[in-house]
Structure formats: C-alpha cells, structure tokens
Amino acid sequence: MASYPGCPPHQDPAPGTRPAGAVPHPRWWERKGVRAAGLATLLALSGAVIAALVREQTGTEGFLVGLGLAVLPVPLLISAFRWLDRVRPGPWRNLLFAFAWGACAAALIAIVANSFATRWIETATADPTGADTLGATVIAPVVEESAKAAAVLLVFLFRRRDFTGIVDGVVIAGVTATGFAFTENILYLGNAFGTDQLTGTGPGLTSVTAATFFVRIVMSPFAHPLFTVLTGIGFGIAAVMAPDRGRVRRVLLPLAGLLAAMGMHAFWNGSSSFGEYGFFAVYAAFMVPVFGLVTWLAVYVRHRELRTVRDELPAYVAAGWLAPPEPFALGSLKARRLAREYAAYYGGKEAETAVAEYERYATSLALLRRRGHKGRAGADFVVRERELLDALWERRGYARSALAYASQVAAPMWRPPVYAGPMPQGPAYNPYRY
C-alpha cells in the first residue's frame, strides 16, 4: 500500500481527504495558462468580429485605407507612454493586453452598445437627429469609458504587483485608449474614404478623408487617451493607499476618475454643437490645457519616484545589499541609461537585460520601503521585500560594475552619502555580504 506525506507508513488517507502538508492542486480553470489562453481567445474573437463589422460598414477598400492611416499615431503614443514609465517599466504583457482590450473588446462593446442605444432612442422619440446627438454626448461617453476602464480594473486586480501608483494607471489607461482610438479611427477614416468615393472627390486637401485625418490623427490623437487617463489616475491613487484603510475611498477614487473621463468625453463630443468654431474653442481652451496638466502630473510623479529611490536605497547600502554608488545611479535616468549601454557593450544582450531588471527591482524595492514608512504596505511586506532583495542579489554581477561606471560618468565629483537613518532589521536581512 502507498504511503503519503503526513500519514503513518502503509496507511492510506481516508477517501476525500487531503494528506497533511500536501499542496492543493489548482482546478484546471484556475491555472494561469488556461486563464491566459482563454483571455487570448476572447480577445482574438473580439478582434475578428470588430474587424468584420468595420469592414462591413466601410467596404474592403475603405477598411484598408482606414487601417493604413489609423496606425500612424499608434507607435508615437505607445512610445510616449513607455517613456513616462521609464523609472519602473511594467512588463510588456500588460501593455499588449491593454492595447488588445481597447482595440478589440472595448471597441466591440462600444460599437454594439452605441448602435443599439441610438436605434432605441430613435424608435422611442421618432427623432433621428436628436437620437444621434444624445448618443454622441451621453451614451457614447458612458459606454466607451466604461469599456476601456474594464482593462484598467483587470490589471489592477490581477496584476497588482505591477500596478503601484499613478504612473502605472496613466500608462495602462493610455495604452488601452490608444488601442480603442486605433479601431475607431479605422471606422471614421474608412467611412470618410467611402464618402469621397461616392461623391467623386479625388485625393487632396479638400477631401473628407483629408479633413478627418487632420482632425483625428493630427490635431487630437491624444483625445481618447486623455479621457481614459483620468480613470487611470483614480486607480493609481487608490493603489498607493493602505490596503486595510480607507476601503471606501479606494472604491470611490476610481469611480470619480471614471466619471471625470465620461464628463470630459461628453464635453468633447458635444463641442460640435457649440457653433461654427465650438470645436476649435474647446480644443484650445480646454483640451490642450488639460493635456498639459496631465502630462506635468505624470512627469512630476516620475521624478518623485526617482527621488524616493535616492532617499530609500541607502538603507540597503548600510545593510550590505547594495554598493555605495547605486542609490545615486538608480535615482538618475541618465545614469540608468549609461549603465545599460555599458552592460550591453561589454556583456551583450544578457547583461543589458540583467541591468534593466536590476534597475526595475531596485525601484520597486524603494517604493515598497516608502509605502512601509507611510503605513501603506500590505501584510506581505517582508516577503515581498525579501523577493526583491534576492532578485537584486542574483543580478549583482552585471549590475554593480555597470552602475559604478554610470555613477562616475553622470557625476564625476559625486561622493556616497552617509546614511544616518534606521538600519533594516529582521530575518529578511544579513544573508550575504560583499
């Protein structure tokens, strides 16, 4: 007879019971691979359906023209959000999910719900013009912002370690909205091209396609990302709050951000009803200032994270985990870039990747320690801290020489500060030294 851990020799456990000390196996639907495959399948099906719907409305030629023009701002917007996330860049899988959700799932929800709601209002009121206006200014903002916010919520709930502050919320929300705007632009540009074909208008500055391209791609490529970023800011503020305090506020803040996104979206959609120059007035007096304010906030938060790195990491130098030049180098974007270039030159891609991971883990460690100081760390603080320290220790071979070089090149007269704060204590420390 077989024996099991925790049971006396030659004694099987009773049927339906788990041996003591045995690790329970997750059910098949709880496995990460199954969930990832299911999500990828859902997004792929949504993409196929939305592509078919858009092609049906625009025609094959219009779809291809819209696709070619709509893709132009996407690399610029993705690069801008990735630039904001340089201090502690999140994994690419989160960005791919966010973009795919916006372009496929959110776009499908929006096109179906908006069409249904507009037709219902038109039937109930017998006023097609009023139904279109109400659909654009009320229905569309609510439906579209809710659909986009779902991606931010999913990352917030299921990739919580990757979602630690305002910058993460801005990036995930912005990339989701970029995907949504990409699909929407295909539809608008494809329809504009179809209109030109019907009227016999040739390609040129006077065509409907050129006008649509100028308004949606040149003037306002940031419109949808700007709306949804307000939702991301709400989730980002909620992420830095203590998990066991202010639970009501942790729910209300994302809702407030979502409502702000809906309101701004509705105001933007309704600008065309403000007169001949209403659109341009709203664009210049409202959209551009808000865009500048949100950009300033994201850059400010990023610089504050760098300052946190410089302030918090000296404690780990004193404990022997980090080398003296590292807090300065890790708190400087210039030094970080120099360290990666140094590692790539002397150690190749493997070394560059190790240094980039070292920088990301060190930043996470500094932010975790700052949350601990403010009483906002969770119950897994010690476990998470040890995981990050072990990850740094595994990559120290490549990182220390690269960061030492970068600190001297970035600031040749720099001297390591004398740390006078409390020494890290507890079992998470003191396993290794230089």
Protein backbone atom coordinates (compact mmCIF):
# COMPACT_ATOMS: atom_id res chain seq x y z
CA MET A 1 0.00 0.00 0.00
CA ALA A 2 1.25 3.51 -0.83
CA SER A 3 2.17 6.00 1.88
CA TYR A 4 1.57 9.74 1.74
CA PRO A 5 3.29 12.70 3.36
CA GLY A 6 1.86 13.26 6.81
CA CYS A 7 0.37 9.73 7.11
CA PRO A 8 1.81 6.78 9.03
CA PRO A 9 3.69 4.26 6.86
CA HIS A 10 1.50 1.83 4.92
CA GLN A 11 -1.67 3.75 5.82
CA ASP A 12 -3.63 5.45 3.06
CA PRO A 13 -5.60 8.58 3.84
CA ALA A 14 -9.33 8.32 4.04
CA PRO A 15 -11.14 8.87 0.74
CA GLY A 16 -11.93 12.52 0.08
CA THR A 17 -9.29 13.86 2.50
CA ARG A 18 -6.02 15.63 1.69
CA PRO A 19 -2.81 14.40 3.35
CA ALA A 20 -1.36 16.81 5.90
CA GLY A 21 1.22 19.10 4.36
CA ALA A 22 0.18 18.37 0.78
CA VAL A 23 -0.11 21.36 -1.56
CA PRO A 24 -3.58 21.54 -3.13
CA HIS A 25 -3.57 21.40 -6.92
CA PRO A 26 -5.49 24.19 -8.62
CA ARG A 27 -8.52 23.20 -10.65
CA TRP A 28 -7.99 23.31 -14.39
CA TRP A 29 -9.84 26.61 -14.78
CA GLU A 30 -7.69 28.19 -12.03
CA ARG A 31 -4.39 27.57 -13.80
CA LYS A 32 -2.62 30.63 -15.20
CA GLY A 33 -2.03 29.02 -18.57
CA VAL A 34 -5.71 28.19 -19.00
CA ARG A 35 -6.75 31.71 -18.00
CA ALA A 36 -4.21 33.30 -20.33
CA ALA A 37 -5.32 31.10 -23.22
CA GLY A 38 -8.97 31.87 -22.53
CA LEU A 39 -8.31 35.61 -22.42
CA ALA A 40 -6.26 35.49 -25.63
CA THR A 41 -9.04 33.54 -27.35
CA LEU A 42 -11.65 36.05 -26.17
CA LEU A 43 -9.62 38.99 -27.47
CA ALA A 44 -8.90 37.24 -30.77
CA LEU A 45 -12.60 36.51 -31.32
CA SER A 46 -13.47 40.10 -30.41
CA GLY A 47 -10.87 41.33 -32.88
CA ALA A 48 -12.24 39.15 -35.65
CA VAL A 49 -15.80 40.29 -35.02
CA ILE A 50 -14.95 44.00 -34.79
CA ALA A 51 -12.84 43.77 -37.97
CA ALA A 52 -15.77 42.16 -39.79
CA LEU A 53 -18.21 44.83 -38.55
CA VAL A 54 -15.92 47.71 -39.52
CA ARG A 55 -15.22 46.17 -42.93
CA GLU A 56 -18.97 45.75 -43.47
CA GLN A 57 -19.53 49.47 -42.80
CA THR A 58 -16.55 50.81 -44.76
CA GLY A 59 -16.03 48.25 -47.50
CA THR A 60 -12.80 46.41 -48.13
CA GLU A 61 -11.01 49.32 -49.78
CA GLY A 62 -12.16 51.79 -47.14
CA PHE A 63 -11.11 49.38 -44.40
CA LEU A 64 -7.60 49.09 -45.82
CA VAL A 65 -7.25 52.86 -46.27
CA GLY A 66 -8.53 53.48 -42.74
CA LEU A 67 -6.19 50.84 -41.34
CA GLY A 68 -3.16 52.35 -43.06
CA LEU A 69 -3.92 55.86 -41.81
CA ALA A 70 -5.12 54.91 -38.31
CA VAL A 71 -1.91 53.05 -37.48
CA LEU A 72 0.27 56.15 -37.95
CA PRO A 73 -0.13 57.71 -34.44
CA VAL A 74 -0.01 54.38 -32.58
CA PRO A 75 3.80 54.00 -32.33
CA LEU A 76 4.15 57.62 -31.20
CA LEU A 77 1.54 57.26 -28.45
CA ILE A 78 2.88 53.91 -27.24
CA SER A 79 6.40 55.35 -27.14
CA ALA A 80 5.17 58.37 -25.17
CA PHE A 81 3.54 56.19 -22.51
CA ARG A 82 6.55 53.91 -22.40
CA TRP A 83 8.74 56.99 -21.91
CA LEU A 84 6.63 58.00 -18.91
CA ASP A 85 7.14 54.50 -17.49
CA ARG A 86 10.96 54.53 -17.75
CA VAL A 87 11.64 54.61 -14.00
CA ARG A 88 9.91 51.30 -13.28
CA PRO A 89 8.70 49.94 -16.63
CA GLY A 90 5.91 47.43 -16.39
CA PRO A 91 6.02 44.16 -18.31
CA TRP A 92 5.15 44.25 -21.98
CA ARG A 93 2.43 41.64 -21.49
CA ASN A 94 0.35 44.20 -19.59
CA LEU A 95 0.69 46.75 -22.40
CA LEU A 96 -0.16 44.14 -25.04
CA PHE A 97 -3.25 43.14 -23.08
CA ALA A 98 -4.30 46.78 -22.60
CA PHE A 99 -3.90 47.64 -26.29
CA ALA A 100 -5.66 44.45 -27.43
CA TRP A 101 -8.52 45.04 -24.99
CA GLY A 102 -9.01 48.60 -26.21
CA ALA A 103 -8.74 47.74 -29.92
CA CYS A 104 -10.85 44.57 -29.77
CA ALA A 105 -13.06 44.01 -26.72
CA ALA A 106 -13.78 47.63 -25.77
CA ALA A 107 -14.33 48.64 -29.40
CA LEU A 108 -16.74 45.74 -29.93
CA ILE A 109 -18.70 46.59 -26.78
CA ALA A 110 -18.88 50.24 -27.82
CA ILE A 111 -20.00 49.70 -31.42
CA VAL A 112 -22.72 47.23 -30.43
CA ALA A 113 -23.99 49.15 -27.38
CA ASN A 114 -23.89 52.55 -29.07
CA SER A 115 -25.76 51.30 -32.12
CA PHE A 116 -28.40 49.56 -30.03
CA ALA A 117 -28.93 52.56 -27.73
CA THR A 118 -29.11 55.08 -30.58
CA ARG A 119 -31.63 52.99 -32.50
CA TRP A 120 -33.74 52.51 -29.38
CA ILE A 121 -33.80 56.26 -28.70
CA GLU A 122 -34.62 56.94 -32.36
CA THR A 123 -37.54 54.49 -32.25
CA ALA A 124 -38.83 55.81 -28.94
CA THR A 125 -38.65 59.51 -29.90
CA ALA A 126 -39.05 59.36 -33.70
CA ASP A 127 -36.28 61.95 -33.89
CA PRO A 128 -33.18 60.63 -35.71
CA THR A 129 -31.21 63.87 -35.30
CA GLY A 130 -31.90 64.08 -31.59
CA ALA A 131 -31.05 60.39 -31.17
CA ASP A 132 -27.68 60.89 -32.85
CA THR A 133 -26.89 63.93 -30.67
CA LEU A 134 -27.94 62.17 -27.47
CA GLY A 135 -26.00 59.07 -28.47
CA ALA A 136 -22.80 61.04 -29.09
CA THR A 137 -22.94 63.24 -25.99
CA VAL A 138 -24.43 60.85 -23.40
CA ILE A 139 -24.48 57.22 -24.49
CA ALA A 140 -21.07 57.02 -26.18
CA PRO A 141 -19.04 58.57 -23.33
CA VAL A 142 -20.64 56.28 -20.73
CA VAL A 143 -20.32 53.10 -22.79
CA GLU A 144 -16.84 53.73 -24.20
CA GLU A 145 -15.20 54.92 -20.99
CA SER A 146 -16.70 52.02 -19.03
CA ALA A 147 -15.46 49.53 -21.63
CA LYS A 148 -11.95 50.99 -21.54
CA ALA A 149 -11.93 51.21 -17.74
CA ALA A 150 -12.52 47.45 -17.58
CA ALA A 151 -8.94 46.85 -18.78
CA VAL A 152 -7.52 49.10 -16.06
CA LEU A 153 -9.64 47.30 -13.47
CA LEU A 154 -8.44 43.86 -14.62
CA VAL A 155 -4.76 44.85 -14.42
CA PHE A 156 -5.40 46.48 -11.04
CA LEU A 157 -6.98 43.30 -9.67
CA PHE A 158 -4.92 40.54 -11.29
CA ARG A 159 -1.52 42.21 -11.83
CA ARG A 160 -1.44 44.08 -8.56
CA ARG A 161 2.34 43.97 -8.16
CA ASP A 162 2.71 45.72 -11.49
CA PHE A 163 0.21 48.43 -10.53
CA THR A 164 1.68 50.51 -7.72
CA GLY A 165 0.95 54.15 -8.46
CA ILE A 166 -0.30 56.96 -10.66
CA VAL A 167 2.20 56.40 -13.47
CA ASP A 168 1.10 52.77 -13.82
CA GLY A 169 -2.53 53.87 -14.00
CA VAL A 170 -1.74 56.52 -16.61
CA VAL A 171 0.22 54.07 -18.77
CA ILE A 172 -2.31 51.21 -18.69
CA ALA A 173 -5.25 53.55 -19.28
CA GLY A 174 -3.46 55.45 -22.03
CA VAL A 175 -2.41 52.33 -23.92
CA THR A 176 -5.94 50.90 -23.65
CA ALA A 177 -7.40 54.10 -25.08
CA THR A 178 -4.76 54.14 -27.82
CA GLY A 179 -5.99 50.72 -28.94
CA PHE A 180 -9.60 51.88 -28.82
CA ALA A 181 -8.85 55.03 -30.82
CA PHE A 182 -6.97 52.93 -33.39
CA THR A 183 -10.06 50.86 -34.17
CA GLU A 184 -12.38 53.87 -34.06
CA ASN A 185 -10.13 55.77 -36.45
CA ILE A 186 -10.26 52.89 -38.94
CA LEU A 187 -14.06 53.23 -38.93
CA TYR A 188 -14.14 57.02 -39.29
CA LEU A 189 -11.41 57.21 -41.92
CA GLY A 190 -12.85 54.28 -43.85
CA ASN A 191 -16.30 55.92 -43.90
CA ALA A 192 -14.74 59.23 -44.98
CA PHE A 193 -12.97 57.46 -47.84
CA GLY A 194 -16.26 55.83 -48.85
CA THR A 195 -17.95 59.25 -48.89
CA ASP A 196 -15.25 60.61 -51.18
CA GLN A 197 -15.72 57.63 -53.49
CA LEU A 198 -19.47 58.22 -53.68
CA THR A 199 -19.14 61.96 -54.37
CA GLY A 200 -16.29 61.53 -56.79
CA THR A 201 -13.93 63.65 -54.73
CA GLY A 202 -10.36 62.79 -55.54
CA PRO A 203 -7.50 62.60 -53.06
CA GLY A 204 -6.43 66.01 -51.83
CA LEU A 205 -6.72 68.56 -49.07
CA THR A 206 -10.38 69.22 -49.86
CA SER A 207 -11.47 65.60 -49.43
CA VAL A 208 -13.45 64.32 -46.46
CA THR A 209 -10.69 61.79 -45.81
CA ALA A 210 -8.07 64.54 -45.51
CA ALA A 211 -10.29 66.58 -43.17
CA THR A 212 -11.00 63.54 -40.99
CA PHE A 213 -7.32 62.64 -40.92
CA PHE A 214 -6.38 66.19 -39.88
CA VAL A 215 -8.92 66.35 -37.04
CA ARG A 216 -8.49 62.83 -35.63
CA ILE A 217 -4.85 61.97 -36.37
CA VAL A 218 -3.04 65.32 -36.49
CA MET A 219 -4.99 67.55 -34.08
CA SER A 220 -6.35 65.13 -31.49
CA PRO A 221 -4.59 61.76 -31.44
CA PHE A 222 -4.40 62.12 -27.64
CA ALA A 223 -8.17 62.69 -27.13
CA HIS A 224 -9.20 59.15 -26.16
CA PRO A 225 -6.01 58.51 -24.13
CA LEU A 226 -6.57 61.78 -22.27
CA PHE A 227 -10.13 60.83 -21.29
CA THR A 228 -9.23 57.38 -20.03
CA VAL A 229 -6.07 58.58 -18.25
CA LEU A 230 -8.38 60.29 -15.74
CA THR A 231 -9.72 56.83 -14.84
CA GLY A 232 -6.16 55.54 -14.59
CA ILE A 233 -5.22 58.35 -12.20
CA GLY A 234 -8.12 57.36 -9.95
CA PHE A 235 -6.92 53.75 -9.87
CA GLY A 236 -3.32 54.92 -9.36
CA ILE A 237 -4.20 56.98 -6.29
CA ALA A 238 -6.17 54.03 -4.91
CA ALA A 239 -3.14 51.78 -5.48
CA VAL A 240 -0.89 53.80 -3.15
CA MET A 241 -3.40 53.83 -0.30
CA ALA A 242 -3.06 51.39 2.59
CA PRO A 243 -4.91 48.16 1.74
CA ASP A 244 -6.53 47.96 5.18
CA ARG A 245 -7.51 51.63 5.43
CA GLY A 246 -9.89 53.83 3.52
CA ARG A 247 -11.60 50.99 1.69
CA VAL A 248 -14.47 53.26 0.69
CA ARG A 249 -12.07 55.79 -0.77
CA ARG A 250 -10.23 53.02 -2.64
CA VAL A 251 -13.53 52.31 -4.41
CA LEU A 252 -14.70 55.90 -4.81
CA LEU A 253 -11.45 57.23 -6.30
CA PRO A 254 -11.55 55.04 -9.44
CA LEU A 255 -15.26 55.82 -9.80
CA ALA A 256 -14.50 59.54 -9.55
CA GLY A 257 -11.84 59.18 -12.22
CA LEU A 258 -14.28 57.28 -14.44
CA LEU A 259 -16.96 59.95 -14.02
CA ALA A 260 -14.40 62.66 -14.86
CA ALA A 261 -13.43 60.73 -18.00
CA MET A 262 -17.07 60.41 -19.03
CA GLY A 263 -17.70 64.12 -18.42
CA MET A 264 -14.67 65.23 -20.41
CA HIS A 265 -15.56 62.83 -23.21
CA ALA A 266 -19.12 64.16 -23.35
CA PHE A 267 -17.88 67.77 -23.38
CA TRP A 268 -15.54 66.97 -26.27
CA ASN A 269 -18.21 65.16 -28.28
CA GLY A 270 -20.67 67.99 -27.70
CA SER A 271 -18.25 70.69 -28.85
CA SER A 272 -19.57 70.48 -32.42
CA SER A 273 -22.93 71.83 -31.20
CA PHE A 274 -21.36 74.98 -29.72
CA GLY A 275 -21.36 76.86 -33.00
CA GLU A 276 -19.14 77.03 -36.06
CA TYR A 277 -15.93 77.37 -34.07
CA GLY A 278 -17.05 75.46 -30.99
CA PHE A 279 -14.74 72.52 -31.68
CA PHE A 280 -11.66 74.72 -32.01
CA ALA A 281 -12.60 76.75 -28.93
CA VAL A 282 -12.96 73.64 -26.77
CA TYR A 283 -9.75 72.24 -28.22
CA ALA A 284 -7.67 75.36 -27.47
CA ALA A 285 -9.27 76.46 -24.19
CA PHE A 286 -9.90 73.08 -22.59
CA MET A 287 -8.29 70.04 -24.20
CA VAL A 288 -4.77 71.41 -24.64
CA PRO A 289 -4.51 72.80 -21.04
CA VAL A 290 -5.84 69.56 -19.56
CA PHE A 291 -3.41 67.57 -21.68
CA GLY A 292 -0.54 69.74 -20.43
CA LEU A 293 -1.69 69.38 -16.81
CA VAL A 294 -1.94 65.58 -17.01
CA THR A 295 1.46 65.36 -18.70
CA TRP A 296 3.00 67.55 -15.98
CA LEU A 297 1.45 65.36 -13.28
CA ALA A 298 2.84 62.17 -14.81
CA VAL A 299 6.34 63.64 -15.19
CA TYR A 300 6.23 65.05 -11.65
CA VAL A 301 5.27 61.67 -10.20
CA ARG A 302 8.07 60.04 -12.17
CA HIS A 303 10.65 62.47 -10.75
CA ARG A 304 9.26 61.88 -7.28
CA GLU A 305 9.83 58.14 -7.74
CA LEU A 306 13.46 58.84 -8.65
CA ARG A 307 13.83 60.94 -5.51
CA THR A 308 12.33 58.09 -3.48
CA VAL A 309 14.97 55.74 -4.93
CA ARG A 310 17.76 58.10 -3.83
CA ASP A 311 16.24 58.51 -0.36
CA GLU A 312 15.32 54.90 0.46
CA LEU A 313 18.08 52.75 -1.02
CA PRO A 314 20.98 54.00 1.20
CA ALA A 315 19.49 51.84 3.98
CA TYR A 316 20.28 48.77 1.90
CA VAL A 317 23.79 50.05 1.26
CA ALA A 318 24.31 50.25 5.01
CA ALA A 319 22.99 46.68 5.34
CA GLY A 320 25.36 45.38 2.66
CA TRP A 321 22.83 44.62 -0.04
CA LEU A 322 23.80 47.40 -2.44
CA ALA A 323 27.08 49.06 -3.38
CA PRO A 324 27.58 52.72 -2.32
CA PRO A 325 27.23 54.30 -5.80
CA GLU A 326 23.97 52.52 -6.60
CA PRO A 327 21.35 54.77 -4.92
CA PHE A 328 22.60 57.76 -6.90
CA ALA A 329 22.89 55.85 -10.17
CA LEU A 330 19.48 54.23 -9.77
CA GLY A 331 17.95 57.63 -8.99
CA SER A 332 19.16 59.18 -12.25
CA LEU A 333 17.65 58.41 -15.65
CA LYS A 334 20.92 59.39 -17.33
CA ALA A 335 22.96 57.04 -15.14
CA ARG A 336 20.47 54.22 -15.69
CA ARG A 337 20.80 54.59 -19.45
CA LEU A 338 24.60 54.69 -19.23
CA ALA A 339 24.61 51.54 -17.10
CA ARG A 340 22.52 49.63 -19.64
CA GLU A 341 24.72 50.81 -22.51
CA TYR A 342 27.87 49.81 -20.59
CA ALA A 343 26.44 46.36 -19.87
CA ALA A 344 25.36 45.88 -23.50
CA TYR A 345 28.78 46.90 -24.80
CA TYR A 346 30.78 44.57 -22.56
CA GLY A 347 28.32 41.78 -21.80
CA GLY A 348 25.85 41.71 -24.66
CA LYS A 349 22.08 41.42 -24.53
CA GLU A 350 22.07 39.16 -21.48
CA ALA A 351 23.98 41.71 -19.41
CA GLU A 352 21.82 44.58 -20.63
CA THR A 353 18.66 42.68 -19.67
CA ALA A 354 20.07 41.85 -16.24
CA VAL A 355 20.92 45.52 -15.55
CA ALA A 356 17.49 46.68 -16.74
CA GLU A 357 15.83 44.14 -14.43
CA TYR A 358 18.12 45.21 -11.58
CA GLU A 359 17.01 48.83 -12.06
CA ARG A 360 13.35 47.84 -12.10
CA TYR A 361 13.59 45.64 -8.99
CA ALA A 362 15.57 48.29 -7.10
CA THR A 363 12.92 50.89 -7.89
CA SER A 364 10.17 48.55 -6.70
CA LEU A 365 12.14 47.97 -3.50
CA ALA A 366 12.50 51.70 -2.83
CA LEU A 367 8.79 52.32 -3.44
CA LEU A 368 7.88 49.38 -1.22
CA ARG A 369 10.03 50.74 1.61
CA ARG A 370 8.48 54.19 1.23
CA ARG A 371 4.98 52.68 1.50
CA GLY A 372 6.15 50.86 4.60
CA HIS A 373 7.30 54.13 6.16
CA LYS A 374 3.89 55.66 5.47
CA GLY A 375 1.99 52.66 6.81
CA ARG A 376 0.63 51.73 3.39
CA ALA A 377 2.41 48.42 2.88
CA GLY A 378 0.43 45.22 2.89
CA ALA A 379 0.78 42.19 5.14
CA ASP A 380 3.23 40.63 2.67
CA PHE A 381 5.76 43.46 3.08
CA VAL A 382 8.57 41.29 4.47
CA VAL A 383 8.00 38.51 1.93
CA ARG A 384 7.93 40.94 -0.98
CA GLU A 385 10.99 42.78 0.30
CA ARG A 386 12.95 39.55 0.51
CA GLU A 387 11.88 38.55 -3.00
CA LEU A 388 13.14 41.84 -4.39
CA LEU A 389 16.42 41.64 -2.48
CA ASP A 390 17.04 38.11 -3.72
CA ALA A 391 16.29 39.23 -7.29
CA LEU A 392 18.83 42.04 -6.94
CA TRP A 393 21.45 39.72 -5.48
CA GLU A 394 21.10 37.30 -8.40
CA ARG A 395 21.83 40.12 -10.89
CA ARG A 396 24.54 41.95 -8.97
CA GLY A 397 27.37 40.51 -11.08
CA TYR A 398 26.39 42.51 -14.15
CA ALA A 399 24.78 45.46 -12.40
CA ARG A 400 27.37 46.63 -9.89
CA SER A 401 30.18 47.40 -12.31
CA ALA A 402 27.75 48.99 -14.79
CA LEU A 403 26.15 51.20 -12.13
CA ALA A 404 29.52 52.17 -10.67
CA TYR A 405 30.68 53.26 -14.11
CA ALA A 406 27.44 55.15 -14.76
CA SER A 407 27.58 57.00 -11.44
CA GLN A 408 31.07 58.28 -12.16
CA VAL A 409 30.29 59.34 -15.72
CA ALA A 410 26.99 61.01 -14.76
CA ALA A 411 28.52 62.88 -11.79
CA PRO A 412 32.35 62.59 -11.59
CA MET A 413 32.54 64.59 -8.34
CA TRP A 414 29.84 62.52 -6.63
CA ARG A 415 30.60 61.06 -3.20
CA PRO A 416 28.41 58.45 -1.46
CA PRO A 417 26.16 59.97 1.22
CA VAL A 418 26.45 58.93 4.83
CA TYR A 419 23.29 57.09 5.81
CA ALA A 420 22.09 58.11 9.27
CA GLY A 421 18.65 56.51 9.29
CA PRO A 422 17.48 53.29 10.92
CA MET A 423 19.18 50.12 9.79
CA PRO A 424 16.99 47.47 8.17
CA GLN A 425 16.15 44.84 10.74
CA GLY A 426 14.61 41.39 10.77
CA PRO A 427 15.15 37.98 9.20
CA ALA A 428 14.96 39.41 5.69
CA TYR A 429 18.49 40.80 6.07
CA ASN A 430 22.06 39.76 6.60
CA PRO A 431 22.32 36.60 4.46
CA TYR A 432 25.13 37.90 2.26
CA ARG A 433 27.85 40.48 2.19
CA TYR A 434 30.29 41.74 -0.41
